[in-house]
């Protein structure tokens, strides 16, 4: 009986190694890890996953680009400006047209400057006493410096008054002493003023081109001794400029 119990107890005891210690069962996972090819394969797989994530992140962070090249097909119109039109090739091979504005030079505000005389000059502070006297405007007992030049025909006939430069009409008004006044604002902070005119052809806010007829020479109260004439003034950055210093030298 005791012999049978001893045999049974021996079977129920844990298996022992040669040193007498219990033998721990080897799991399937440890068996796999014991293979030499497992770790290199794991490294390759991890690297592939990391590269894939990097590519996905880069694609998501970049905005889609329009592959269609931009091109200009229509000319850019510059109203009331003289210009040069140039053509250049676009990225798709088509030609792009661009208008380059060219600055205008001031012209005499009349059709034929040779027929017109400066009957009263601009008042120059640096002028001589004789120049100052000739450029004073007398009204009753008051003398004021002439702010522009007064143009008239020798035969005292009326004549057409034209825009000295293209721009926008910013004032059309009848002033008791000055007659009708027309102001045109131009680029580069320039403004031209036409006083003592009649038969005005333009309205305020109208766009005019250089040489457009805007009125006719007329009379006013403050310079009634000049007869039919136009008082022409130029402002640059709000400051008066001597018109004869910037107009063509054909007078």
Protein backbone atom coordinates (compact mmCIF):
# COMPACT_ATOMS: atom_id res chain seq x y z
CA UNK A 1 0.00 0.00 0.00
CA UNK A 2 2.74 2.44 0.95
CA UNK A 3 4.58 1.59 -2.26
CA UNK A 4 1.54 2.51 -4.36
CA UNK A 5 1.13 5.86 -2.55
CA UNK A 6 4.78 6.70 -3.09
CA UNK A 7 4.47 6.02 -6.84
CA UNK A 8 1.35 8.20 -7.04
CA UNK A 9 3.05 11.04 -5.16
CA UNK A 10 6.01 10.82 -7.48
CA UNK A 11 3.76 11.25 -10.55
CA UNK A 12 2.00 14.32 -9.03
CA UNK A 13 5.26 16.15 -8.25
CA UNK A 14 6.53 18.70 -10.74
CA UNK A 15 9.15 17.53 -13.16
CA UNK A 16 12.64 18.34 -12.06
CA UNK A 17 15.74 19.10 -14.03
CA UNK A 18 18.97 17.41 -13.53
CA UNK A 19 19.81 19.79 -10.67
CA UNK A 20 16.60 18.97 -8.88
CA UNK A 21 14.78 22.31 -9.69
CA UNK A 22 11.30 22.46 -11.28
CA UNK A 23 11.22 22.74 -15.07
CA UNK A 24 9.16 25.76 -16.33
CA UNK A 25 7.10 25.02 -19.48
CA UNK A 26 8.28 26.97 -22.58
CA UNK A 27 5.45 29.04 -24.18
CA UNK A 28 4.84 29.25 -27.94
CA UNK A 29 5.70 33.01 -28.00
CA UNK A 30 9.10 32.38 -26.47
CA UNK A 31 9.68 29.65 -28.99
CA UNK A 32 9.00 32.13 -31.79
CA UNK A 33 11.29 34.76 -30.28
CA UNK A 34 14.03 32.21 -29.97
CA UNK A 35 14.26 32.07 -33.78
CA UNK A 36 17.14 34.07 -35.25
CA UNK A 37 15.09 35.67 -38.05
CA UNK A 38 12.39 37.12 -35.77
CA UNK A 39 14.13 40.33 -34.65
CA UNK A 40 15.41 41.41 -38.10
CA UNK A 41 11.95 40.84 -39.54
CA UNK A 42 10.39 42.89 -36.75
CA UNK A 43 12.81 45.76 -37.40
CA UNK A 44 12.01 45.76 -41.12
CA UNK A 45 8.26 45.77 -40.46
CA UNK A 46 8.57 48.63 -37.95
CA UNK A 47 10.63 50.68 -40.39
CA UNK A 48 8.05 50.12 -43.13
CA UNK A 49 5.25 51.28 -40.82
CA UNK A 50 7.18 54.43 -39.83
CA UNK A 51 7.92 55.35 -43.45
CA UNK A 52 4.28 54.84 -44.38
CA UNK A 53 3.16 57.16 -41.57
CA UNK A 54 5.67 59.82 -42.68
CA UNK A 55 4.38 59.73 -46.27
CA UNK A 56 0.77 59.95 -45.13
CA UNK A 57 1.59 62.94 -42.89
CA UNK A 58 3.40 64.79 -45.67
CA UNK A 59 0.54 64.28 -48.11
CA UNK A 60 -1.97 65.54 -45.56
CA UNK A 61 0.07 68.64 -44.66
CA UNK A 62 0.58 69.82 -48.25
CA UNK A 63 -2.18 71.84 -49.91
CA UNK A 64 -3.20 70.74 -53.38
CA UNK A 65 -1.64 72.83 -56.12
CA UNK A 66 -3.49 73.90 -59.24
CA UNK A 67 -1.50 72.55 -62.15
CA UNK A 68 -3.19 74.89 -64.64
CA UNK A 69 -0.80 77.79 -65.42
CA UNK A 70 -2.21 81.31 -65.12
CA UNK A 71 -2.21 83.53 -68.17
CA UNK A 72 -3.39 87.01 -69.10
CA UNK A 73 -5.43 87.11 -72.27
CA UNK A 74 -7.10 90.51 -72.18
CA UNK A 75 -5.41 93.88 -72.55
CA UNK A 76 -5.45 96.09 -69.47
CA UNK A 77 -7.07 99.36 -70.50
CA UNK A 78 -5.80 102.56 -68.92
CA UNK A 79 -8.47 105.23 -69.50
CA UNK A 80 -7.33 108.74 -70.29
CA UNK A 81 -3.70 107.70 -70.47
CA UNK A 82 -1.39 107.22 -73.38
CA UNK A 83 0.33 103.87 -73.20
CA UNK A 84 2.59 101.32 -74.77
CA UNK A 85 1.22 97.82 -75.27
CA UNK A 86 3.72 95.01 -74.84
CA UNK A 87 3.33 91.27 -75.23
CA UNK A 88 5.14 88.55 -73.35
CA UNK A 89 4.82 84.79 -73.30
CA UNK A 90 2.86 83.19 -70.48
CA UNK A 91 3.79 79.93 -68.79
CA UNK A 92 1.46 78.00 -71.08
CA UNK A 93 2.93 79.48 -74.26
CA UNK A 94 0.12 81.98 -74.79
CA UNK A 95 0.92 85.66 -75.10
CA UNK A 96 0.00 87.97 -72.24
CA UNK A 97 -0.83 91.57 -73.15
CA UNK A 98 -0.01 94.34 -70.72
CA UNK A 99 -0.53 98.09 -71.03
CA UNK A 100 2.25 100.25 -69.65
CA UNK A 101 1.19 103.79 -68.85
CA UNK A 102 3.29 106.59 -70.24
CA UNK A 103 3.25 109.95 -68.48
CA UNK A 104 1.75 112.79 -70.52
CA UNK A 105 3.41 116.12 -70.98
CA UNK A 106 1.31 119.22 -70.39
CA UNK A 107 0.21 121.00 -73.54
CA UNK A 108 -1.17 124.47 -74.11
CA UNK A 109 -4.90 124.53 -73.37
CA UNK A 110 -5.73 125.80 -76.86
CA UNK A 111 -5.96 124.37 -80.36
CA UNK A 112 -3.20 126.51 -81.84
CA UNK A 113 -0.75 128.05 -79.39
CA UNK A 114 0.76 130.22 -82.13
CA UNK A 115 -2.49 132.21 -82.34
CA UNK A 116 -2.56 132.90 -78.60
CA UNK A 117 -0.70 135.51 -76.57
CA UNK A 118 0.09 135.57 -72.86
CA UNK A 119 -1.61 138.84 -71.96
CA UNK A 120 -0.82 138.58 -68.23
CA UNK A 121 2.06 136.47 -66.89
CA UNK A 122 2.40 134.41 -63.71
CA UNK A 123 3.56 136.28 -60.62
CA UNK A 124 7.07 135.09 -59.75
CA UNK A 125 8.35 136.02 -56.31
CA UNK A 126 11.90 136.08 -57.64
CA UNK A 127 10.96 138.37 -60.54
CA UNK A 128 11.96 141.96 -61.02
CA UNK A 129 9.83 144.92 -60.01
CA UNK A 130 8.77 145.28 -63.63
CA UNK A 131 7.77 141.60 -63.75
CA UNK A 132 5.77 141.97 -60.54
CA UNK A 133 3.89 144.98 -61.87
CA UNK A 134 2.98 143.18 -65.08
CA UNK A 135 1.71 140.15 -63.11
CA UNK A 136 -0.59 142.03 -60.73
CA UNK A 137 -4.35 141.77 -61.12
CA UNK A 138 -6.20 144.99 -60.28
CA UNK A 139 -9.82 144.96 -59.18
CA UNK A 140 -11.06 148.35 -58.06
CA UNK A 141 -8.35 149.49 -55.63
CA UNK A 142 -7.06 146.00 -54.85
CA UNK A 143 -3.98 144.42 -56.41
CA UNK A 144 -3.40 140.66 -56.20
CA UNK A 145 -0.65 138.47 -57.69
CA UNK A 146 -1.70 136.55 -60.77
CA UNK A 147 -1.95 132.84 -59.88
CA UNK A 148 -1.64 131.63 -63.47
CA UNK A 149 -1.31 132.99 -66.99
CA UNK A 150 -4.00 134.72 -69.03
CA UNK A 151 -4.29 133.73 -72.69
CA UNK A 152 -6.10 135.68 -75.40
CA UNK A 153 -6.13 136.25 -79.13
CA UNK A 154 -4.77 139.48 -80.55
CA UNK A 155 -8.09 140.12 -82.30
CA UNK A 156 -9.99 139.56 -79.02
CA UNK A 157 -12.03 136.75 -80.58
CA UNK A 158 -13.12 133.77 -78.52
CA UNK A 159 -11.39 130.40 -78.99
CA UNK A 160 -11.71 126.81 -77.86
CA UNK A 161 -10.22 125.87 -74.50
CA UNK A 162 -8.85 122.32 -74.32
CA UNK A 163 -7.71 119.99 -71.55
CA UNK A 164 -3.96 120.38 -71.08
CA UNK A 165 -3.74 116.78 -69.82
CA UNK A 166 -6.07 113.83 -69.43
CA UNK A 167 -7.82 113.47 -66.10
CA UNK A 168 -11.06 113.81 -64.17
CA UNK A 169 -13.19 116.94 -63.99
CA UNK A 170 -13.44 117.71 -60.28
CA UNK A 171 -15.09 121.13 -60.41
CA UNK A 172 -17.48 123.02 -62.68
CA UNK A 173 -18.77 126.18 -61.07
CA UNK A 174 -19.76 129.73 -61.95
CA UNK A 175 -18.04 132.23 -59.66
CA UNK A 176 -19.26 135.87 -59.75
CA UNK A 177 -15.86 137.54 -60.23
CA UNK A 178 -14.09 134.73 -62.11
CA UNK A 179 -16.80 133.51 -64.46
CA UNK A 180 -17.09 129.76 -65.06
CA UNK A 181 -14.32 127.72 -63.45
CA UNK A 182 -13.34 124.21 -64.56
CA UNK A 183 -10.83 122.11 -62.62
CA UNK A 184 -9.29 118.87 -63.86
CA UNK A 185 -7.37 116.55 -61.54
CA UNK A 186 -4.58 114.49 -63.10
CA UNK A 187 -2.14 111.81 -62.04
CA UNK A 188 0.95 112.62 -59.97
CA UNK A 189 -0.92 115.16 -57.81
CA UNK A 190 -1.38 117.62 -60.67
CA UNK A 191 -4.39 119.87 -61.16
CA UNK A 192 -5.17 122.36 -63.92
CA UNK A 193 -7.64 125.25 -63.52
CA UNK A 194 -9.44 127.09 -66.31
CA UNK A 195 -11.18 130.35 -65.34
CA UNK A 196 -13.11 132.97 -67.30
CA UNK A 197 -14.54 130.35 -69.67
CA UNK A 198 -17.95 130.11 -71.29
CA UNK A 199 -20.00 127.47 -73.08
CA UNK A 200 -18.68 124.72 -70.81
CA UNK A 201 -18.73 121.30 -72.52
CA UNK A 202 -17.95 119.03 -69.56
CA UNK A 203 -19.62 118.07 -66.31
CA UNK A 204 -18.17 117.33 -62.92
CA UNK A 205 -16.79 113.77 -62.49
CA UNK A 206 -16.41 113.37 -66.26
CA UNK A 207 -13.21 111.81 -67.62
CA UNK A 208 -11.44 113.84 -70.30
CA UNK A 209 -8.49 113.18 -72.54
CA UNK A 210 -5.70 115.53 -73.41
CA UNK A 211 -6.90 117.90 -76.13
CA UNK A 212 -10.63 117.46 -75.45
CA UNK A 213 -12.57 120.71 -75.81
CA UNK A 214 -13.90 121.65 -72.38
CA UNK A 215 -15.14 125.24 -72.95
CA UNK A 216 -14.58 128.48 -74.84
CA UNK A 217 -12.70 131.59 -73.81
CA UNK A 218 -14.96 134.13 -72.16
CA UNK A 219 -15.05 137.22 -69.99
CA UNK A 220 -15.07 137.76 -66.25
CA UNK A 221 -15.47 140.66 -63.88
CA UNK A 222 -12.08 140.68 -62.19
CA UNK A 223 -10.14 140.92 -65.49
CA UNK A 224 -12.73 142.51 -67.72
CA UNK A 225 -10.07 144.68 -69.35
CA UNK A 226 -8.61 141.53 -70.96
CA UNK A 227 -11.74 140.81 -72.97
CA UNK A 228 -12.19 137.20 -74.14
CA UNK A 229 -9.50 135.16 -72.45
CA UNK A 230 -8.83 132.09 -70.33
CA UNK A 231 -7.00 132.17 -67.02
CA UNK A 232 -4.91 128.99 -66.85
CA UNK A 233 -3.31 127.78 -63.59
CA UNK A 234 -1.38 124.65 -62.60
CA UNK A 235 -1.09 123.12 -59.13
CA UNK A 236 1.38 120.43 -58.15
CA UNK A 237 0.93 118.90 -54.69
CA UNK A 238 -1.30 121.85 -53.86
CA UNK A 239 1.35 124.44 -54.79
CA UNK A 240 1.09 126.87 -57.69
CA UNK A 241 3.45 126.30 -60.60
CA UNK A 242 4.37 128.80 -63.30
CA UNK A 243 2.66 127.34 -66.41
CA UNK A 244 5.21 128.82 -68.80
CA UNK A 245 7.95 126.88 -66.98
CA UNK A 246 6.37 123.50 -67.79
CA UNK A 247 4.50 124.09 -71.05
CA UNK A 248 6.18 123.54 -74.44
CA UNK A 249 8.33 126.45 -75.57
CA UNK A 250 6.31 127.29 -78.66
CA UNK A 251 4.96 130.63 -77.59
